[in-house]
Amino acid sequence: MPTPHHDTGRTPARLEGRATWLISRAHMHVSGLLGAGFEAHGGGLRSYHYRLLAALEEWGPASQAELGRRTGIDRSDVTAALTRLESGNLVERSADPAHKRRNIVTITPAGVERLLELDKVIDGIQEEFLAPLTAAQRRQFITLLSKLVDAQH
């Protein structure tokens, strides 16, 4: 009978080379990098705040519900995140003239400035994460990941 082996630094052989395992490991790694990057440079913001600011900057003003749908963030989480962004003067909420109960969210000039700062944080994290790959491998990796993500929709 084999002796139990408790080396936690290794991956069981049946997991090695499995895309699902490798992606989950990469996700854990990049999540840690993102968390540390936003902790150090995010001013209390997180990646979902960045996603909301990016959506507003790219797509323009939107209702809270639309932001949730388009960014994949739960509606109740959108409300809390927007409250945080609004308290930092990064977004403004105003009543929709056509539907008084609906808020329209707009990114402020300070929000655009903060988004540009966070772009630099994300760029640094991307660079650190992809550092082991050559430029050609990075392009291929992004192409393949995009293909996998696009196949889900």
N, C-alpha and C. Protein backbone atom coordinates (compact mmCIF):
# COMPACT_ATOMS: atom_id res chain seq x y z
N MET A 1 0.85 -1.17 0.00
CA MET A 1 0.00 0.00 0.00
C MET A 1 0.90 1.24 0.00
N PRO A 2 0.63 2.21 -0.90
CA PRO A 2 1.48 3.39 -0.97
C PRO A 2 1.34 4.26 0.27
N THR A 3 2.41 4.91 0.62
CA THR A 3 2.42 5.83 1.74
C THR A 3 1.76 7.13 1.31
N PRO A 4 0.87 7.67 2.14
CA PRO A 4 0.26 8.96 1.79
C PRO A 4 1.34 10.02 1.61
N HIS A 5 1.20 10.82 0.59
CA HIS A 5 2.18 11.86 0.29
C HIS A 5 1.48 13.22 0.43
N HIS A 6 2.03 14.10 1.21
CA HIS A 6 1.38 15.39 1.50
C HIS A 6 2.15 16.57 0.92
N ASP A 7 2.74 16.42 -0.24
CA ASP A 7 3.45 17.53 -0.88
C ASP A 7 2.42 18.44 -1.53
N THR A 8 2.16 19.60 -0.92
CA THR A 8 1.13 20.50 -1.44
C THR A 8 1.64 21.37 -2.57
N GLY A 9 2.89 21.28 -2.92
CA GLY A 9 3.45 22.10 -3.98
C GLY A 9 3.30 21.48 -5.36
N ARG A 10 2.68 20.34 -5.46
CA ARG A 10 2.56 19.66 -6.74
C ARG A 10 1.10 19.47 -7.10
N THR A 11 0.88 19.25 -8.37
CA THR A 11 -0.47 19.00 -8.88
C THR A 11 -0.61 17.52 -9.15
N PRO A 12 -1.71 16.90 -8.72
CA PRO A 12 -1.92 15.49 -9.06
C PRO A 12 -1.85 15.30 -10.58
N ALA A 13 -1.25 14.22 -10.99
CA ALA A 13 -1.02 13.96 -12.41
C ALA A 13 -2.32 14.01 -13.23
N ARG A 14 -3.43 13.55 -12.65
CA ARG A 14 -4.67 13.52 -13.43
C ARG A 14 -5.21 14.92 -13.71
N LEU A 15 -4.70 15.94 -13.00
CA LEU A 15 -5.13 17.31 -13.25
C LEU A 15 -4.23 18.05 -14.24
N GLU A 16 -2.96 17.63 -14.29
CA GLU A 16 -2.02 18.31 -15.17
C GLU A 16 -2.48 18.23 -16.63
N GLY A 17 -2.42 19.33 -17.30
CA GLY A 17 -2.79 19.36 -18.71
C GLY A 17 -4.28 19.48 -18.97
N ARG A 18 -5.09 19.52 -17.93
CA ARG A 18 -6.53 19.71 -18.13
C ARG A 18 -6.82 21.20 -18.18
N ALA A 19 -7.45 21.63 -19.27
CA ALA A 19 -7.71 23.05 -19.48
C ALA A 19 -8.49 23.65 -18.31
N THR A 20 -9.48 22.93 -17.82
CA THR A 20 -10.31 23.47 -16.74
C THR A 20 -9.47 23.73 -15.48
N TRP A 21 -8.56 22.84 -15.17
CA TRP A 21 -7.69 23.01 -14.02
C TRP A 21 -6.75 24.19 -14.23
N LEU A 22 -6.14 24.24 -15.40
CA LEU A 22 -5.18 25.30 -15.69
C LEU A 22 -5.86 26.67 -15.69
N ILE A 23 -7.05 26.76 -16.25
CA ILE A 23 -7.77 28.03 -16.26
C ILE A 23 -8.14 28.44 -14.84
N SER A 24 -8.56 27.48 -14.02
CA SER A 24 -8.92 27.83 -12.64
C SER A 24 -7.69 28.30 -11.87
N ARG A 25 -6.54 27.70 -12.12
CA ARG A 25 -5.30 28.13 -11.46
C ARG A 25 -4.90 29.53 -11.95
N ALA A 26 -5.01 29.76 -13.25
CA ALA A 26 -4.69 31.08 -13.80
C ALA A 26 -5.64 32.12 -13.24
N HIS A 27 -6.92 31.75 -13.11
CA HIS A 27 -7.92 32.67 -12.54
C HIS A 27 -7.55 33.04 -11.10
N MET A 28 -7.17 32.07 -10.32
CA MET A 28 -6.78 32.35 -8.93
C MET A 28 -5.58 33.30 -8.91
N HIS A 29 -4.62 33.06 -9.78
CA HIS A 29 -3.42 33.89 -9.82
C HIS A 29 -3.76 35.33 -10.22
N VAL A 30 -4.49 35.48 -11.31
CA VAL A 30 -4.80 36.82 -11.79
C VAL A 30 -5.76 37.53 -10.83
N SER A 31 -6.65 36.81 -10.18
CA SER A 31 -7.52 37.43 -9.18
C SER A 31 -6.70 38.01 -8.03
N GLY A 32 -5.67 37.28 -7.63
CA GLY A 32 -4.76 37.79 -6.60
C GLY A 32 -4.02 39.03 -7.05
N LEU A 33 -3.55 39.01 -8.29
CA LEU A 33 -2.86 40.19 -8.83
C LEU A 33 -3.80 41.39 -8.90
N LEU A 34 -5.03 41.16 -9.38
CA LEU A 34 -6.01 42.24 -9.47
C LEU A 34 -6.35 42.79 -8.08
N GLY A 35 -6.58 41.89 -7.14
CA GLY A 35 -6.89 42.32 -5.77
C GLY A 35 -5.77 43.16 -5.19
N ALA A 36 -4.53 42.72 -5.35
CA ALA A 36 -3.39 43.48 -4.83
C ALA A 36 -3.23 44.81 -5.56
N GLY A 37 -3.41 44.79 -6.86
CA GLY A 37 -3.27 46.02 -7.65
C GLY A 37 -4.31 47.05 -7.28
N PHE A 38 -5.56 46.61 -7.14
CA PHE A 38 -6.61 47.55 -6.75
C PHE A 38 -6.45 47.99 -5.30
N GLU A 39 -5.96 47.10 -4.45
CA GLU A 39 -5.71 47.47 -3.05
C GLU A 39 -4.64 48.55 -2.97
N ALA A 40 -3.58 48.41 -3.75
CA ALA A 40 -2.47 49.35 -3.70
C ALA A 40 -2.76 50.66 -4.43
N HIS A 41 -3.51 50.59 -5.52
CA HIS A 41 -3.66 51.77 -6.38
C HIS A 41 -5.11 52.12 -6.70
N GLY A 42 -6.04 51.35 -6.19
CA GLY A 42 -7.43 51.55 -6.59
C GLY A 42 -8.20 52.56 -5.79
N GLY A 43 -7.63 53.07 -4.71
CA GLY A 43 -8.35 54.05 -3.91
C GLY A 43 -9.65 53.51 -3.35
N GLY A 44 -9.66 52.24 -2.98
CA GLY A 44 -10.87 51.63 -2.43
C GLY A 44 -11.79 51.03 -3.48
N LEU A 45 -11.41 51.17 -4.75
CA LEU A 45 -12.24 50.60 -5.81
C LEU A 45 -11.80 49.17 -6.11
N ARG A 46 -12.67 48.44 -6.77
CA ARG A 46 -12.42 47.05 -7.15
C ARG A 46 -12.64 46.90 -8.65
N SER A 47 -12.40 45.70 -9.13
CA SER A 47 -12.49 45.48 -10.58
C SER A 47 -13.90 45.73 -11.12
N TYR A 48 -14.94 45.48 -10.34
CA TYR A 48 -16.30 45.73 -10.83
C TYR A 48 -16.57 47.23 -10.93
N HIS A 49 -15.95 48.05 -10.10
CA HIS A 49 -16.06 49.50 -10.25
C HIS A 49 -15.41 49.93 -11.57
N TYR A 50 -14.26 49.35 -11.84
CA TYR A 50 -13.55 49.63 -13.10
C TYR A 50 -14.43 49.25 -14.29
N ARG A 51 -15.07 48.10 -14.21
CA ARG A 51 -15.94 47.63 -15.30
C ARG A 51 -17.10 48.60 -15.53
N LEU A 52 -17.68 49.11 -14.46
CA LEU A 52 -18.79 50.07 -14.59
C LEU A 52 -18.30 51.39 -15.19
N LEU A 53 -17.16 51.89 -14.72
CA LEU A 53 -16.62 53.13 -15.29
C LEU A 53 -16.29 52.95 -16.76
N ALA A 54 -15.70 51.82 -17.11
CA ALA A 54 -15.35 51.55 -18.51
C ALA A 54 -16.60 51.49 -19.38
N ALA A 55 -17.65 50.86 -18.89
CA ALA A 55 -18.90 50.76 -19.64
C ALA A 55 -19.51 52.14 -19.86
N LEU A 56 -19.54 52.95 -18.82
CA LEU A 56 -20.11 54.29 -18.94
C LEU A 56 -19.30 55.18 -19.88
N GLU A 57 -17.98 55.05 -19.81
CA GLU A 57 -17.12 55.86 -20.67
C GLU A 57 -17.29 55.44 -22.14
N GLU A 58 -17.39 54.15 -22.37
CA GLU A 58 -17.49 53.65 -23.75
C GLU A 58 -18.90 53.77 -24.33
N TRP A 59 -19.92 53.45 -23.55
CA TRP A 59 -21.29 53.36 -24.07
C TRP A 59 -22.14 54.57 -23.73
N GLY A 60 -21.66 55.44 -22.86
CA GLY A 60 -22.42 56.62 -22.50
C GLY A 60 -23.39 56.35 -21.36
N PRO A 61 -24.18 57.36 -21.00
CA PRO A 61 -25.12 57.24 -19.88
C PRO A 61 -26.06 56.05 -20.06
N ALA A 62 -26.40 55.44 -18.93
CA ALA A 62 -27.27 54.25 -18.97
C ALA A 62 -28.02 54.14 -17.65
N SER A 63 -29.11 53.40 -17.69
CA SER A 63 -29.84 53.13 -16.45
C SER A 63 -29.04 52.11 -15.64
N GLN A 64 -29.32 52.06 -14.36
CA GLN A 64 -28.64 51.09 -13.50
C GLN A 64 -28.92 49.67 -13.96
N ALA A 65 -30.16 49.39 -14.33
CA ALA A 65 -30.52 48.04 -14.78
C ALA A 65 -29.76 47.68 -16.06
N GLU A 66 -29.67 48.64 -16.98
CA GLU A 66 -28.95 48.38 -18.22
C GLU A 66 -27.47 48.13 -17.95
N LEU A 67 -26.89 48.90 -17.05
CA LEU A 67 -25.49 48.68 -16.69
C LEU A 67 -25.28 47.28 -16.15
N GLY A 68 -26.19 46.84 -15.30
CA GLY A 68 -26.08 45.49 -14.75
C GLY A 68 -26.13 44.44 -15.84
N ARG A 69 -27.09 44.57 -16.75
CA ARG A 69 -27.21 43.60 -17.85
C ARG A 69 -25.98 43.61 -18.74
N ARG A 70 -25.54 44.78 -19.12
CA ARG A 70 -24.45 44.88 -20.09
C ARG A 70 -23.08 44.51 -19.51
N THR A 71 -22.91 44.66 -18.20
CA THR A 71 -21.63 44.34 -17.58
C THR A 71 -21.61 42.98 -16.89
N GLY A 72 -22.79 42.37 -16.75
CA GLY A 72 -22.86 41.07 -16.08
C GLY A 72 -22.77 41.18 -14.57
N ILE A 73 -23.06 42.35 -14.03
CA ILE A 73 -23.01 42.55 -12.58
C ILE A 73 -24.45 42.53 -12.07
N ASP A 74 -24.68 41.79 -10.98
CA ASP A 74 -26.01 41.68 -10.39
C ASP A 74 -26.56 43.07 -10.07
N ARG A 75 -27.85 43.24 -10.28
CA ARG A 75 -28.51 44.54 -10.11
C ARG A 75 -28.28 45.15 -8.73
N SER A 76 -28.40 44.34 -7.68
CA SER A 76 -28.19 44.89 -6.33
C SER A 76 -26.73 45.28 -6.12
N ASP A 77 -25.80 44.54 -6.72
CA ASP A 77 -24.39 44.90 -6.62
C ASP A 77 -24.09 46.18 -7.40
N VAL A 78 -24.78 46.38 -8.53
CA VAL A 78 -24.61 47.61 -9.31
C VAL A 78 -25.00 48.81 -8.45
N THR A 79 -26.11 48.71 -7.76
CA THR A 79 -26.58 49.82 -6.92
C THR A 79 -25.53 50.18 -5.87
N ALA A 80 -25.01 49.19 -5.17
CA ALA A 80 -24.00 49.44 -4.14
C ALA A 80 -22.71 50.00 -4.75
N ALA A 81 -22.30 49.44 -5.87
CA ALA A 81 -21.07 49.92 -6.53
C ALA A 81 -21.23 51.35 -7.01
N LEU A 82 -22.40 51.67 -7.56
CA LEU A 82 -22.63 53.04 -8.02
C LEU A 82 -22.69 54.03 -6.86
N THR A 83 -23.20 53.58 -5.73
CA THR A 83 -23.20 54.44 -4.55
C THR A 83 -21.77 54.79 -4.17
N ARG A 84 -20.90 53.81 -4.21
CA ARG A 84 -19.47 54.04 -3.92
C ARG A 84 -18.86 54.99 -4.94
N LEU A 85 -19.13 54.77 -6.21
CA LEU A 85 -18.59 55.63 -7.27
C LEU A 85 -19.14 57.05 -7.16
N GLU A 86 -20.41 57.15 -6.82
CA GLU A 86 -21.04 58.47 -6.68
C GLU A 86 -20.44 59.23 -5.50
N SER A 87 -20.15 58.53 -4.41
CA SER A 87 -19.56 59.18 -3.23
C SER A 87 -18.17 59.74 -3.54
N GLY A 88 -17.50 59.16 -4.53
CA GLY A 88 -16.19 59.66 -4.96
C GLY A 88 -16.28 60.64 -6.11
N ASN A 89 -17.49 61.07 -6.46
CA ASN A 89 -17.72 62.00 -7.56
C ASN A 89 -17.24 61.44 -8.90
N LEU A 90 -17.30 60.12 -9.05
CA LEU A 90 -16.86 59.48 -10.29
C LEU A 90 -18.01 59.23 -11.25
N VAL A 91 -19.24 59.18 -10.72
CA VAL A 91 -20.45 59.08 -11.54
C VAL A 91 -21.51 59.99 -10.93
N GLU A 92 -22.50 60.30 -11.76
CA GLU A 92 -23.68 61.04 -11.30
C GLU A 92 -24.91 60.24 -11.67
N ARG A 93 -25.87 60.23 -10.75
CA ARG A 93 -27.16 59.61 -11.04
C ARG A 93 -28.22 60.70 -11.07
N SER A 94 -29.08 60.61 -12.08
CA SER A 94 -30.18 61.58 -12.17
C SER A 94 -31.42 60.83 -12.62
N ALA A 95 -32.57 61.39 -12.27
CA ALA A 95 -33.84 60.76 -12.65
C ALA A 95 -33.99 60.81 -14.17
N ASP A 96 -34.45 59.70 -14.72
CA ASP A 96 -34.75 59.62 -16.15
C ASP A 96 -36.03 60.42 -16.39
N PRO A 97 -35.99 61.45 -17.24
CA PRO A 97 -37.19 62.26 -17.45
C PRO A 97 -38.37 61.44 -18.00
N ALA A 98 -38.09 60.37 -18.73
CA ALA A 98 -39.16 59.54 -19.29
C ALA A 98 -39.73 58.56 -18.26
N HIS A 99 -38.91 58.18 -17.28
CA HIS A 99 -39.32 57.21 -16.25
C HIS A 99 -38.78 57.68 -14.91
N LYS A 100 -39.56 58.42 -14.18
CA LYS A 100 -39.11 59.07 -12.95
C LYS A 100 -38.50 58.12 -11.92
N ARG A 101 -38.92 56.86 -11.93
CA ARG A 101 -38.39 55.92 -10.95
C ARG A 101 -37.06 55.32 -11.37
N ARG A 102 -36.62 55.61 -12.59
CA ARG A 102 -35.37 55.04 -13.10
C ARG A 102 -34.27 56.10 -13.05
N ASN A 103 -33.09 55.68 -12.62
CA ASN A 103 -31.93 56.56 -12.60
C ASN A 103 -31.08 56.35 -13.85
N ILE A 104 -30.58 57.46 -14.38
CA ILE A 104 -29.61 57.41 -15.46
C ILE A 104 -28.26 57.74 -14.85
N VAL A 105 -27.27 56.93 -15.17
CA VAL A 105 -25.93 57.10 -14.60
C VAL A 105 -25.01 57.64 -15.68
N THR A 106 -24.22 58.63 -15.30
CA THR A 106 -23.27 59.26 -16.20
C THR A 106 -21.91 59.33 -15.53
N ILE A 107 -20.87 59.03 -16.28
CA ILE A 107 -19.51 59.17 -15.74
C ILE A 107 -19.16 60.66 -15.71
N THR A 108 -18.47 61.08 -14.66
CA THR A 108 -18.06 62.47 -14.51
C THR A 108 -16.64 62.66 -15.08
N PRO A 109 -16.20 63.88 -15.27
CA PRO A 109 -14.81 64.10 -15.68
C PRO A 109 -13.81 63.46 -14.70
N ALA A 110 -14.11 63.53 -13.41
CA ALA A 110 -13.24 62.87 -12.41
C ALA A 110 -13.27 61.36 -12.60
N GLY A 111 -14.42 60.82 -13.00
CA GLY A 111 -14.53 59.39 -13.27
C GLY A 111 -13.69 58.97 -14.46
N VAL A 112 -13.69 59.79 -15.50
CA VAL A 112 -12.86 59.50 -16.68
C VAL A 112 -11.39 59.53 -16.29
N GLU A 113 -11.01 60.52 -15.50
CA GLU A 113 -9.61 60.62 -15.04
C GLU A 113 -9.21 59.39 -14.22
N ARG A 114 -10.10 58.98 -13.32
CA ARG A 114 -9.81 57.80 -12.48
C ARG A 114 -9.74 56.55 -13.33
N LEU A 115 -10.60 56.44 -14.33
CA LEU A 115 -10.58 55.29 -15.23
C LEU A 115 -9.23 55.21 -15.94
N LEU A 116 -8.71 56.32 -16.40
CA LEU A 116 -7.40 56.33 -17.07
C LEU A 116 -6.29 55.90 -16.12
N GLU A 117 -6.38 56.30 -14.86
CA GLU A 117 -5.41 55.86 -13.85
C GLU A 117 -5.50 54.35 -13.63
N LEU A 118 -6.74 53.85 -13.56
CA LEU A 118 -6.94 52.42 -13.36
C LEU A 118 -6.52 51.62 -14.58
N ASP A 119 -6.63 52.21 -15.78
CA ASP A 119 -6.13 51.54 -16.99
C ASP A 119 -4.65 51.20 -16.82
N LYS A 120 -3.89 52.12 -16.23
CA LYS A 120 -2.46 51.89 -16.01
C LYS A 120 -2.23 50.75 -15.02
N VAL A 121 -3.06 50.69 -13.99
CA VAL A 121 -2.97 49.59 -13.02
C VAL A 121 -3.23 48.26 -13.72
N ILE A 122 -4.31 48.21 -14.52
CA ILE A 122 -4.66 46.99 -15.24
C ILE A 122 -3.56 46.62 -16.24
N ASP A 123 -3.01 47.61 -16.93
CA ASP A 123 -1.93 47.35 -17.88
C ASP A 123 -0.74 46.68 -17.18
N GLY A 124 -0.40 47.17 -16.00
CA GLY A 124 0.71 46.58 -15.24
C GLY A 124 0.41 45.15 -14.83
N ILE A 125 -0.82 44.90 -14.42
CA ILE A 125 -1.21 43.55 -14.02
C ILE A 125 -1.19 42.62 -15.23
N GLN A 126 -1.70 43.10 -16.36
CA GLN A 126 -1.65 42.31 -17.60
C GLN A 126 -0.21 41.94 -17.93
N GLU A 127 0.67 42.92 -17.84
CA GLU A 127 2.08 42.69 -18.17
C GLU A 127 2.68 41.64 -17.24
N GLU A 128 2.41 41.77 -15.96
CA GLU A 128 2.94 40.79 -14.99
C GLU A 128 2.38 39.39 -15.26
N PHE A 129 1.09 39.31 -15.51
CA PHE A 129 0.46 38.01 -15.74
C PHE A 129 0.98 37.34 -17.01
N LEU A 130 1.15 38.12 -18.06
CA LEU A 130 1.54 37.56 -19.36
C LEU A 130 3.05 37.54 -19.58
N ALA A 131 3.82 37.95 -18.58
CA ALA A 131 5.28 38.05 -18.71
C ALA A 131 5.95 36.78 -19.25
N PRO A 132 5.51 35.58 -18.87
CA PRO A 132 6.20 34.38 -19.39
C PRO A 132 6.00 34.13 -20.90
N LEU A 133 5.09 34.86 -21.53
CA LEU A 133 4.78 34.62 -22.93
C LEU A 133 5.46 35.64 -23.84
N THR A 134 5.82 35.20 -25.04
CA THR A 134 6.33 36.12 -26.04
C THR A 134 5.16 36.94 -26.59
N ALA A 135 5.47 37.97 -27.36
CA ALA A 135 4.41 38.81 -27.95
C ALA A 135 3.49 37.97 -28.82
N ALA A 136 4.05 37.07 -29.60
CA ALA A 136 3.23 36.21 -30.47
C ALA A 136 2.36 35.26 -29.65
N GLN A 137 2.93 34.70 -28.58
CA GLN A 137 2.16 33.81 -27.71
C GLN A 137 1.03 34.57 -27.02
N ARG A 138 1.28 35.81 -26.63
CA ARG A 138 0.25 36.63 -26.00
C ARG A 138 -0.92 36.84 -26.95
N ARG A 139 -0.62 37.20 -28.19
CA ARG A 139 -1.68 37.40 -29.18
C ARG A 139 -2.47 36.11 -29.38
N GLN A 140 -1.76 34.98 -29.48
CA GLN A 140 -2.44 33.69 -29.68
C GLN A 140 -3.28 33.33 -28.45
N PHE A 141 -2.76 33.55 -27.28
CA PHE A 141 -3.47 33.27 -26.03
C PHE A 141 -4.76 34.07 -25.96
N ILE A 142 -4.69 35.37 -26.24
CA ILE A 142 -5.87 36.23 -26.22
C ILE A 142 -6.88 35.78 -27.28
N THR A 143 -6.40 35.43 -28.46
CA THR A 143 -7.28 34.96 -29.52
C THR A 143 -8.01 33.69 -29.10
N LEU A 144 -7.29 32.75 -28.52
CA LEU A 144 -7.91 31.48 -28.10
C LEU A 144 -8.88 31.68 -26.93
N LEU A 145 -8.49 32.48 -25.95
CA LEU A 145 -9.41 32.75 -24.83
C LEU A 145 -10.67 33.46 -25.33
N SER A 146 -10.50 34.41 -26.23
CA SER A 146 -11.66 35.12 -26.79
C SER A 146 -12.59 34.15 -27.50
N LYS A 147 -12.02 33.21 -28.19
CA LYS A 147 -12.83 32.22 -28.91
C LYS A 147 -13.64 31.36 -27.92
N LEU A 148 -13.02 30.98 -26.83
CA LEU A 148 -13.72 30.20 -25.81
C LEU A 148 -14.84 31.01 -25.15
N VAL A 149 -14.55 32.25 -24.85
CA VAL A 149 -15.56 33.13 -24.22
C VAL A 149 -16.70 33.40 -25.20
N ASP A 150 -16.36 33.71 -26.45
CA ASP A 150 -17.39 33.99 -27.45
C ASP A 150 -18.30 32.79 -27.70
N ALA A 151 -17.77 31.59 -27.57
CA ALA A 151 -18.57 30.38 -27.79
C ALA A 151 -19.64 30.19 -26.72
N GLN A 152 -19.50 30.88 -25.58
CA GLN A 152 -20.48 30.76 -24.50
C GLN A 152 -21.70 31.65 -24.73
N HIS A 153 -21.62 32.55 -25.67
CA HIS A 153 -22.74 33.50 -25.88
C HIS A 153 -23.52 33.17 -27.11
